[in-house]
PDB file of N, CA and C in Angstrom:
ATOM      1  N   UNK A   1      81.964  89.070 110.883  1.00  0.00           N
ATOM      2  CA  UNK A   1      83.119  90.087 109.935  1.00  0.00           C
ATOM      3  C   UNK A   1      82.948  91.381 109.724  1.00  0.00           C
ATOM      4  N   UNK A   2      83.947  92.270 109.561  1.00  0.00           N
ATOM      5  CA  UNK A   2      83.875  93.346 109.852  1.00  0.00           C
ATOM      6  C   UNK A   2      82.970  93.932 108.410  1.00  0.00           C
ATOM      7  N   UNK A   3      83.101  93.148 106.860  1.00  0.00           N
ATOM      8  CA  UNK A   3      82.385  93.692 106.450  1.00  0.00           C
ATOM      9  C   UNK A   3      81.400  92.706 105.904  1.00  0.00           C
ATOM     10  N   UNK A   4      80.902  93.543 104.962  1.00  0.00           N
ATOM     11  CA  UNK A   4      79.512  91.933 104.348  1.00  0.00           C
ATOM     12  C   UNK A   4      80.610  91.244 103.416  1.00  0.00           C
ATOM     13  N   UNK A   5      79.313  90.549 102.874  1.00  0.00           N
ATOM     14  CA  UNK A   5      79.991  89.540 102.107  1.00  0.00           C
ATOM     15  C   UNK A   5      80.203  90.083 100.668  1.00  0.00           C
ATOM     16  N   UNK A   6      79.194  90.955 100.397  1.00  0.00           N
ATOM     17  CA  UNK A   6      79.736  91.396  99.017  1.00  0.00           C
ATOM     18  C   UNK A   6      80.986  92.707  98.833  1.00  0.00           C
ATOM     19  N   UNK A   7      81.086  93.545 100.174  1.00  0.00           N
ATOM     20  CA  UNK A   7      82.242  94.473  99.861  1.00  0.00           C
ATOM     21  C   UNK A   7      83.375  93.390 100.246  1.00  0.00           C
ATOM     22  N   UNK A   8      83.353  92.183 101.088  1.00  0.00           N
ATOM     23  CA  UNK A   8      84.535  91.540 100.990  1.00  0.00           C
ATOM     24  C   UNK A   8      84.912  90.821 100.050  1.00  0.00           C
ATOM     25  N   UNK A   9      83.775  90.141  99.198  1.00  0.00           N
ATOM     26  CA  UNK A   9      84.170  90.077  97.363  1.00  0.00           C
ATOM     27  C   UNK A   9      84.933  91.110  96.408  1.00  0.00           C
ATOM     28  N   UNK A  10      84.340  92.206  96.752  1.00  0.00           N
ATOM     29  CA  UNK A  10      84.817  93.044  96.117  1.00  0.00           C
ATOM     30  C   UNK A  10      86.411  92.841  96.426  1.00  0.00           C
ATOM     31  N   UNK A  11      87.103  93.573  97.660  1.00  0.00           N
ATOM     32  CA  UNK A  11      88.121  93.547  98.230  1.00  0.00           C
ATOM     33  C   UNK A  11      89.036  92.254  97.367  1.00  0.00           C
ATOM     34  N   UNK A  12      88.615  91.016  97.484  1.00  0.00           N
ATOM     35  CA  UNK A  12      89.379  89.908  97.235  1.00  0.00           C
ATOM     36  C   UNK A  12      89.564  89.934  95.782  1.00  0.00           C
ATOM     37  N   UNK A  13      88.443  90.187  94.967  1.00  0.00           N
ATOM     38  CA  UNK A  13      88.418  90.797  93.901  1.00  0.00           C
ATOM     39  C   UNK A  13      89.577  91.953  93.395  1.00  0.00           C
ATOM     40  N   UNK A  14      89.204  92.670  93.791  1.00  0.00           N
ATOM     41  CA  UNK A  14      90.545  93.892  93.621  1.00  0.00           C
ATOM     42  C   UNK A  14      91.787  92.842  93.510  1.00  0.00           C
ATOM     43  N   UNK A  15      92.065  92.687  94.380  1.00  0.00           N
ATOM     44  CA  UNK A  15      93.616  91.882  94.855  1.00  0.00           C
ATOM     45  C   UNK A  15      93.731  90.722  94.224  1.00  0.00           C
ATOM     46  N   UNK A  16      92.899  90.287  93.390  1.00  0.00           N
ATOM     47  CA  UNK A  16      93.267  89.205  92.354  1.00  0.00           C
ATOM     48  C   UNK A  16      93.497  89.891  91.389  1.00  0.00           C
ATOM     49  N   UNK A  17      92.015  91.091  90.794  1.00  0.00           N
ATOM     50  CA  UNK A  17      93.235  92.065  90.366  1.00  0.00           C
ATOM     51  C   UNK A  17      94.024  92.415  89.616  1.00  0.00           C
ATOM     52  N   UNK A  18      94.564  93.183  90.842  1.00  0.00           N
ATOM     53  CA  UNK A  18      95.913  93.735  90.924  1.00  0.00           C
ATOM     54  C   UNK A  18      96.838  92.903  90.274  1.00  0.00           C
ATOM     55  N   UNK A  19      96.618  91.325  90.599  1.00  0.00           N
ATOM     56  CA  UNK A  19      97.747  90.633  90.260  1.00  0.00           C
ATOM     57  C   UNK A  19      97.495  89.681  88.682  1.00  0.00           C
ATOM     58  N   UNK A  20      96.200  90.145  88.285  1.00  0.00           N
ATOM     59  CA  UNK A  20      95.966  89.326  86.994  1.00  0.00           C
ATOM     60  C   UNK A  20      96.187  90.609  86.235  1.00  0.00           C
ATOM     61  N   UNK A  21      96.036  91.977  86.481  1.00  0.00           N
ATOM     62  CA  UNK A  21      96.196  93.338  85.126  1.00  0.00           C
ATOM     63  C   UNK A  21      97.763  92.778  84.811  1.00  0.00           C
ATOM     64  N   UNK A  22      98.688  92.615  85.131  1.00  0.00           N
ATOM     65  CA  UNK A  22     100.013  92.454  84.815  1.00  0.00           C
ATOM     66  C   UNK A  22     100.444  91.284  83.745  1.00  0.00           C
ATOM     67  N   UNK A  23      99.978  89.832  83.916  1.00  0.00           N
ATOM     68  CA  UNK A  23      99.540  88.572  83.279  1.00  0.00           C
ATOM     69  C   UNK A  23      98.419  88.757  82.293  1.00  0.00           C
ATOM     70  N   UNK A  24      97.806  89.606  82.379  1.00  0.00           N
ATOM     71  CA  UNK A  24      96.517  89.870  81.143  1.00  0.00           C
ATOM     72  C   UNK A  24      97.292  91.295  80.283  1.00  0.00           C
ATOM     73  N   UNK A  25      97.491  92.143  80.793  1.00  0.00           N
ATOM     74  CA  UNK A  25      97.536  92.844  80.239  1.00  0.00           C
ATOM     75  C   UNK A  25      99.100  93.167  79.728  1.00  0.00           C
ATOM     76  N   UNK A  26      99.790  92.520  80.678  1.00  0.00           N
ATOM     77  CA  UNK A  26     101.567  93.369  80.038  1.00  0.00           C
ATOM     78  C   UNK A  26     101.659  94.575  80.937  1.00  0.00           C
ATOM     79  N   UNK A  27     102.873  95.278  80.744  1.00  0.00           N
ATOM     80  CA  UNK A  27     102.977  96.050  81.484  1.00  0.00           C
ATOM     81  C   UNK A  27     103.797  97.443  80.745  1.00  0.00           C
ATOM     82  N   UNK A  28     103.269  97.382  79.473  1.00  0.00           N
ATOM     83  CA  UNK A  28     103.558  98.065  77.847  1.00  0.00           C
ATOM     84  C   UNK A  28     102.794  99.440  77.669  1.00  0.00           C
ATOM     85  N   UNK A  29     101.032  98.492  77.877  1.00  0.00           N
ATOM     86  CA  UNK A  29     100.088  99.139  77.829  1.00  0.00           C
ATOM     87  C   UNK A  29      99.442 100.265  78.860  1.00  0.00           C
ATOM     88  N   UNK A  30      98.628 101.517  78.567  1.00  0.00           N
ATOM     89  CA  UNK A  30      97.812 102.188  79.388  1.00  0.00           C
ATOM     90  C   UNK A  30      96.094 101.932  78.847  1.00  0.00           C
ATOM     91  N   UNK A  31      95.583 101.229  78.096  1.00  0.00           N
ATOM     92  CA  UNK A  31      94.932 101.562  77.243  1.00  0.00           C
ATOM     93  C   UNK A  31      93.778 100.931  78.247  1.00  0.00           C
ATOM     94  N   UNK A  32      92.785 101.628  78.091  1.00  0.00           N
ATOM     95  CA  UNK A  32      91.551 101.712  79.095  1.00  0.00           C
ATOM     96  C   UNK A  32      90.229 100.896  78.756  1.00  0.00           C
ATOM     97  N   UNK A  33      90.154  99.579  79.332  1.00  0.00           N
ATOM     98  CA  UNK A  33      89.234  98.756  78.249  1.00  0.00           C
ATOM     99  C   UNK A  33      87.611  99.308  77.858  1.00  0.00           C
ATOM    100  N   UNK A  34      87.283  98.650  77.076  1.00  0.00           N
ATOM    101  CA  UNK A  34      85.819  99.460  76.712  1.00  0.00           C
ATOM    102  C   UNK A  34      85.296  99.789  78.256  1.00  0.00           C
ATOM    103  N   UNK A  35      84.247 100.590  78.130  1.00  0.00           N
ATOM    104  CA  UNK A  35      83.450 101.291  79.456  1.00  0.00           C
ATOM    105  C   UNK A  35      82.307  99.940  79.091  1.00  0.00           C
ATOM    106  N   UNK A  36      82.246  99.824  78.382  1.00  0.00           N
ATOM    107  CA  UNK A  36      80.576  98.457  78.255  1.00  0.00           C
ATOM    108  C   UNK A  36      80.864  97.375  79.185  1.00  0.00           C
ATOM    109  N   UNK A  37      82.043  97.177  79.103  1.00  0.00           N
ATOM    110  CA  UNK A  37      82.498  96.094  79.957  1.00  0.00           C
ATOM    111  C   UNK A  37      82.161  96.343  81.485  1.00  0.00           C
ATOM    112  N   UNK A  38      82.710  97.507  82.205  1.00  0.00           N
ATOM    113  CA  UNK A  38      82.300  98.036  83.533  1.00  0.00           C
ATOM    114  C   UNK A  38      81.106  98.085  83.504  1.00  0.00           C
ATOM    115  N   UNK A  39      80.206  98.075  82.951  1.00  0.00           N
ATOM    116  CA  UNK A  39      78.523  98.511  82.642  1.00  0.00           C
ATOM    117  C   UNK A  39      77.869  97.099  82.992  1.00  0.00           C
ATOM    118  N   UNK A  40      78.327  96.475  81.975  1.00  0.00           N
ATOM    119  CA  UNK A  40      77.825  95.101  82.173  1.00  0.00           C
ATOM    120  C   UNK A  40      78.252  94.453  83.514  1.00  0.00           C
ATOM    121  N   UNK A  41      79.267  94.439  84.113  1.00  0.00           N
ATOM    122  CA  UNK A  41      79.284  93.772  85.454  1.00  0.00           C
ATOM    123  C   UNK A  41      79.034  94.575  86.198  1.00  0.00           C
ATOM    124  N   UNK A  42      79.084  95.879  86.774  1.00  0.00           N
ATOM    125  CA  UNK A  42      78.496  96.591  87.343  1.00  0.00           C
ATOM    126  C   UNK A  42      76.349  96.203  87.637  1.00  0.00           C
ATOM    127  N   UNK A  43      75.994  95.796  86.622  1.00  0.00           N
ATOM    128  CA  UNK A  43      74.457  95.817  86.416  1.00  0.00           C
ATOM    129  C   UNK A  43      74.203  95.140  87.810  1.00  0.00           C
ATOM    130  N   UNK A  44      74.780  93.674  87.863  1.00  0.00           N
ATOM    131  CA  UNK A  44      74.076  92.450  88.926  1.00  0.00           C
ATOM    132  C   UNK A  44      74.922  93.030  90.077  1.00  0.00           C
ATOM    133  N   UNK A  45      75.605  93.789  89.931  1.00  0.00           N
ATOM    134  CA  UNK A  45      75.862  94.438  91.950  1.00  0.00           C
ATOM    135  C   UNK A  45      74.618  95.139  91.820  1.00  0.00           C
ATOM    136  N   UNK A  46      74.326  96.168  91.009  1.00  0.00           N
ATOM    137  CA  UNK A  46      73.880  97.430  91.278  1.00  0.00           C
ATOM    138  C   UNK A  46      72.725  96.903  91.915  1.00  0.00           C
ATOM    139  N   UNK A  47      71.955  96.027  90.644  1.00  0.00           N
ATOM    140  CA  UNK A  47      70.418  94.856  91.122  1.00  0.00           C
ATOM    141  C   UNK A  47      70.440  94.425  92.261  1.00  0.00           C
ATOM    142  N   UNK A  48      71.441  93.822  92.620  1.00  0.00           N
ATOM    143  CA  UNK A  48      71.241  92.944  93.389  1.00  0.00           C
ATOM    144  C   UNK A  48      71.101  93.502  94.639  1.00  0.00           C
ATOM    145  N   UNK A  49      71.981  94.823  95.101  1.00  0.00           N
ATOM    146  CA  UNK A  49      72.291  95.776  95.776  1.00  0.00           C
ATOM    147  C   UNK A  49      71.033  95.911  96.146  1.00  0.00           C
ATOM    148  N   UNK A  50      70.284  97.045  95.196  1.00  0.00           N
ATOM    149  CA  UNK A  50      69.368  98.022  95.300  1.00  0.00           C
ATOM    150  C   UNK A  50      67.993  96.890  95.719  1.00  0.00           C
ATOM    151  N   UNK A  51      67.647  96.154  95.388  1.00  0.00           N
ATOM    152  CA  UNK A  51      67.140  94.544  95.349  1.00  0.00           C
ATOM    153  C   UNK A  51      67.243  94.481  96.631  1.00  0.00           C
ATOM    154  N   UNK A  52      68.254  94.295  97.030  1.00  0.00           N
ATOM    155  CA  UNK A  52      68.327  93.974  98.903  1.00  0.00           C
ATOM    156  C   UNK A  52      68.075  95.024  99.230  1.00  0.00           C
ATOM    157  N   UNK A  53      68.206  96.230  99.082  1.00  0.00           N
ATOM    158  CA  UNK A  53      67.647  97.422  99.654  1.00  0.00           C
ATOM    159  C   UNK A  53      66.480  97.864  99.648  1.00  0.00           C
ATOM    160  N   UNK A  54      65.822  97.485  99.108  1.00  0.00           N
ATOM    161  CA  UNK A  54      64.262  97.807  98.869  1.00  0.00           C
ATOM    162  C   UNK A  54      63.249  96.538  99.656  1.00  0.00           C
ATOM    163  N   UNK A  55      64.326  95.090  99.972  1.00  0.00           N
ATOM    164  CA  UNK A  55      63.311  94.278 100.819  1.00  0.00           C
ATOM    165  C   UNK A  55      62.569  93.339  99.451  1.00  0.00           C
ATOM    166  N   UNK A  56      63.036  93.770  98.330  1.00  0.00           N
ATOM    167  CA  UNK A  56      62.355  92.829  96.999  1.00  0.00           C
ATOM    168  C   UNK A  56      62.994  91.311  96.798  1.00  0.00           C
ATOM    169  N   UNK A  57      64.170  91.063  97.406  1.00  0.00           N
ATOM    170  CA  UNK A  57      64.692  89.791  97.720  1.00  0.00           C
ATOM    171  C   UNK A  57      65.783  89.785  98.873  1.00  0.00           C
ATOM    172  N   UNK A  58      66.181  88.504  99.460  1.00  0.00           N
ATOM    173  CA  UNK A  58      67.703  88.404 100.011  1.00  0.00           C
ATOM    174  C   UNK A  58      68.739  87.690 100.058  1.00  0.00           C
ATOM    175  N   UNK A  59      69.810  88.244  99.071  1.00  0.00           N
ATOM    176  CA  UNK A  59      70.422  87.183  98.420  1.00  0.00           C
ATOM    177  C   UNK A  59      71.019  86.828  99.913  1.00  0.00           C
ATOM    178  N   UNK A  60      71.792  85.621  99.434  1.00  0.00           N
ATOM    179  CA  UNK A  60      72.787  84.515 100.524  1.00  0.00           C
ATOM    180  C   UNK A  60      74.073  85.354 100.726  1.00  0.00           C
ATOM    181  N   UNK A  61      74.916  84.855 101.295  1.00  0.00           N
ATOM    182  CA  UNK A  61      76.502  85.195 101.822  1.00  0.00           C
ATOM    183  C   UNK A  61      77.250  85.005 100.290  1.00  0.00           C
ATOM    184  N   UNK A  62      77.009  83.915  99.462  1.00  0.00           N
ATOM    185  CA  UNK A  62      78.647  83.294  98.027  1.00  0.00           C
ATOM    186  C   UNK A  62      77.771  84.094  97.374  1.00  0.00           C
ATOM    187  N   UNK A  63      76.379  83.857  96.868  1.00  0.00           N
ATOM    188  CA  UNK A  63      76.239  84.999  95.378  1.00  0.00           C
ATOM    189  C   UNK A  63      76.760  86.274  95.684  1.00  0.00           C
ATOM    190  N   UNK A  64      76.689  87.390  97.017  1.00  0.00           N
ATOM    191  CA  UNK A  64      77.286  87.912  97.002  1.00  0.00           C
ATOM    192  C   UNK A  64      78.436  88.163  96.955  1.00  0.00           C
ATOM    193  N   UNK A  65      78.763  87.373  97.653  1.00  0.00           N
ATOM    194  CA  UNK A  65      80.330  87.349  98.082  1.00  0.00           C
ATOM    195  C   UNK A  65      80.934  87.553  96.118  1.00  0.00           C
ATOM    196  N   UNK A  66      80.442  86.119  95.260  1.00  0.00           N
ATOM    197  CA  UNK A  66      80.742  85.945  94.088  1.00  0.00           C
ATOM    198  C   UNK A  66      80.248  87.574  93.395  1.00  0.00           C
ATOM    199  N   UNK A  67      79.249  88.074  93.502  1.00  0.00           N
ATOM    200  CA  UNK A  67      79.298  89.411  92.922  1.00  0.00           C
ATOM    201  C   UNK A  67      80.261  90.127  92.952  1.00  0.00           C
ATOM    202  N   UNK A  68      80.460  90.509  94.166  1.00  0.00           N
ATOM    203  CA  UNK A  68      81.261  91.477  94.642  1.00  0.00           C
ATOM    204  C   UNK A  68      82.416  91.608  94.225  1.00  0.00           C
ATOM    205  N   UNK A  69      82.749  89.912  93.958  1.00  0.00           N
ATOM    206  CA  UNK A  69      84.647  89.281  93.504  1.00  0.00           C
ATOM    207  C   UNK A  69      84.393  89.453  92.380  1.00  0.00           C
ATOM    208  N   UNK A  70      83.388  89.571  91.028  1.00  0.00           N
ATOM    209  CA  UNK A  70      83.318  89.879  90.007  1.00  0.00           C
ATOM    210  C   UNK A  70      83.707  91.264  88.935  1.00  0.00           C
ATOM    211  N   UNK A  71      82.893  91.991  90.252  1.00  0.00           N
ATOM    212  CA  UNK A  71      83.011  93.640  89.722  1.00  0.00           C
ATOM    213  C   UNK A  71      84.717  93.544  90.084  1.00  0.00           C
ATOM    214  N   UNK A  72      85.119  93.845  91.417  1.00  0.00           N
ATOM    215  CA  UNK A  72      86.506  93.690  92.288  1.00  0.00           C
ATOM    216  C   UNK A  72      87.198  93.426  91.530  1.00  0.00           C
ATOM    217  N   UNK A  73      87.093  92.064  90.510  1.00  0.00           N
ATOM    218  CA  UNK A  73      88.256  91.703  90.147  1.00  0.00           C
ATOM    219  C   UNK A  73      88.550  92.332  88.366  1.00  0.00           C
ATOM    220  N   UNK A  74      87.555  93.254  88.032  1.00  0.00           N
ATOM    221  CA  UNK A  74      87.475  93.995  86.632  1.00  0.00           C
ATOM    222  C   UNK A  74      88.089  95.408  87.036  1.00  0.00           C
ATOM    223  N   UNK A  75      87.711  95.982  88.201  1.00  0.00           N
ATOM    224  CA  UNK A  75      88.421  97.391  88.292  1.00  0.00           C
ATOM    225  C   UNK A  75      89.483  97.805  88.065  1.00  0.00           C
ATOM    226  N   UNK A  76      90.782  96.737  88.972  1.00  0.00           N
ATOM    227  CA  UNK A  76      92.228  97.139  88.477  1.00  0.00           C
ATOM    228  C   UNK A  76      92.358  97.440  87.163  1.00  0.00           C
ATOM    229  N   UNK A  77      92.161  96.989  85.887  1.00  0.00           N
ATOM    230  CA  UNK A  77      92.095  97.047  84.810  1.00  0.00           C
ATOM    231  C   UNK A  77      91.493  98.789  84.221  1.00  0.00           C
ATOM    232  N   UNK A  78      90.490  99.289  85.229  1.00  0.00           N
ATOM    233  CA  UNK A  78      90.489 100.629  84.639  1.00  0.00           C
ATOM    234  C   UNK A  78      91.141 101.435  85.798  1.00  0.00           C
ATOM    235  N   UNK A  79      91.536 101.072  87.334  1.00  0.00           N
ATOM    236  CA  UNK A  79      92.309 101.742  87.747  1.00  0.00           C
ATOM    237  C   UNK A  79      93.147 101.896  87.097  1.00  0.00           C
ATOM    238  N   UNK A  80      94.265 101.249  87.056  1.00  0.00           N
ATOM    239  CA  UNK A  80      95.782 101.204  86.895  1.00  0.00           C
ATOM    240  C   UNK A  80      95.786 101.484  85.055  1.00  0.00           C
ATOM    241  N   UNK A  81      94.458 101.338  84.281  1.00  0.00           N
ATOM    242  CA  UNK A  81      95.207 102.164  82.897  1.00  0.00           C
ATOM    243  C   UNK A  81      95.105 104.114  83.504  1.00  0.00           C
ATOM    244  N   UNK A  82      93.631 103.941  84.397  1.00  0.00           N
ATOM    245  CA  UNK A  82      93.610 105.423  84.594  1.00  0.00           C
ATOM    246  C   UNK A  82      95.109 106.247  85.294  1.00  0.00           C
ATOM    247  N   UNK A  83      95.627 105.361  86.002  1.00  0.00           N
ATOM    248  CA  UNK A  83      96.604 105.879  87.051  1.00  0.00           C
ATOM    249  C   UNK A  83      98.073 105.572  85.836  1.00  0.00           C
ATOM    250  N   UNK A  84      97.864 104.984  85.231  1.00  0.00           N
ATOM    251  CA  UNK A  84      99.204 104.968  83.940  1.00  0.00           C
ATOM    252  C   UNK A  84      98.832 105.711  82.919  1.00  0.00           C
ATOM    253  N   UNK A  85      97.610 106.313  82.909  1.00  0.00           N
ATOM    254  CA  UNK A  85      97.771 107.688  81.604  1.00  0.00           C
ATOM    255  C   UNK A  85      97.860 108.441  82.551  1.00  0.00           C
ATOM    256  N   UNK A  86      97.591 108.896  83.856  1.00  0.00           N
ATOM    257  CA  UNK A  86      98.223 110.304  83.972  1.00  0.00           C
ATOM    258  C   UNK A  86      99.788 110.203  84.395  1.00  0.00           C
ATOM    259  N   UNK A  87      99.771 109.219  84.865  1.00  0.00           N
ATOM    260  CA  UNK A  87     101.663 109.314  85.090  1.00  0.00           C
ATOM    261  C   UNK A  87     102.341 109.737  83.829  1.00  0.00           C
ATOM    262  N   UNK A  88     101.369 109.015  82.667  1.00  0.00           N
ATOM    263  CA  UNK A  88     102.053 109.459  81.366  1.00  0.00           C
ATOM    264  C   UNK A  88     102.307 110.576  80.970  1.00  0.00           C
ATOM    265  N   UNK A  89     100.846 111.485  81.111  1.00  0.00           N
ATOM    266  CA  UNK A  89     100.536 112.766  81.291  1.00  0.00           C
ATOM    267  C   UNK A  89     101.481 113.647  81.962  1.00  0.00           C
ATOM    268  N   UNK A  90     102.293 113.192  82.766  1.00  0.00           N
ATOM    269  CA  UNK A  90     103.068 113.993  83.785  1.00  0.00           C
ATOM    270  C   UNK A  90     102.314 114.809  84.799  1.00  0.00           C
ATOM    271  N   UNK A  91     101.373 114.729  84.873  1.00  0.00           N
ATOM    272  CA  UNK A  91     100.686 115.010  86.042  1.00  0.00           C
ATOM    273  C   UNK A  91     100.863 116.669  85.151  1.00  0.00           C
ATOM    274  N   UNK A  92     100.565 117.055  84.072  1.00  0.00           N
ATOM    275  CA  UNK A  92     100.293 117.765  83.392  1.00  0.00           C
ATOM    276  C   UNK A  92      98.537 118.739  83.563  1.00  0.00           C
ATOM    277  N   UNK A  93      99.043 119.639  84.800  1.00  0.00           N
ATOM    278  CA  UNK A  93      97.681 120.307  85.268  1.00  0.00           C
ATOM    279  C   UNK A  93      97.780 121.811  84.799  1.00  0.00           C
ATOM    280  N   UNK A  94      96.692 121.942  83.934  1.00  0.00           N
ATOM    281  CA  UNK A  94      97.053 123.449  83.134  1.00  0.00           C
ATOM    282  C   UNK A  94      96.738 124.394  84.578  1.00  0.00           C
ATOM    283  N   UNK A  95      97.884 125.715  84.520  1.00  0.00           N
ATOM    284  CA  UNK A  95      97.381 126.579  85.705  1.00  0.00           C
ATOM    285  C   UNK A  95      95.738 127.141  85.212  1.00  0.00           C
ATOM    286  N   UNK A  96      95.320 127.752  86.809  1.00  0.00           N
ATOM    287  CA  UNK A  96      94.160 128.763  86.458  1.00  0.00           C
ATOM    288  C   UNK A  96      94.528 129.664  85.727  1.00  0.00           C
ATOM    289  N   UNK A  97      93.042 129.679  85.168  1.00  0.00           N
ATOM    290  CA  UNK A  97      92.980 131.642  84.146  1.00  0.00           C
ATOM    291  C   UNK A  97      93.065 132.183  84.949  1.00  0.00           C
ATOM    292  N   UNK A  98      93.269 133.370  84.870  1.00  0.00           N
ATOM    293  CA  UNK A  98      93.315 134.625  86.227  1.00  0.00           C
ATOM    294  C   UNK A  98      92.268 135.646  85.099  1.00  0.00           C
TER     295      UNK A  98
END
């Protein structure tokens, strides 16, 4: 496989999240989900990756894939809300001050 199991899980989860976002949230709102949800779902991924990197333990591929999948699944809810917010603002970037 060209990528590790965790990365493959993130990719598959992100695709599933892209498909699930309109079903779960609809097309009308661009409200950003609470940041604590992202923090809670990032914690297992960060802990497992750091522990593997430091040699504290070695996680098998299936748990790595599942941890990545769950994290990837939630990312589109933030990504699409951010893109929607930018689009609604009309990319109103103030000109630089002289």
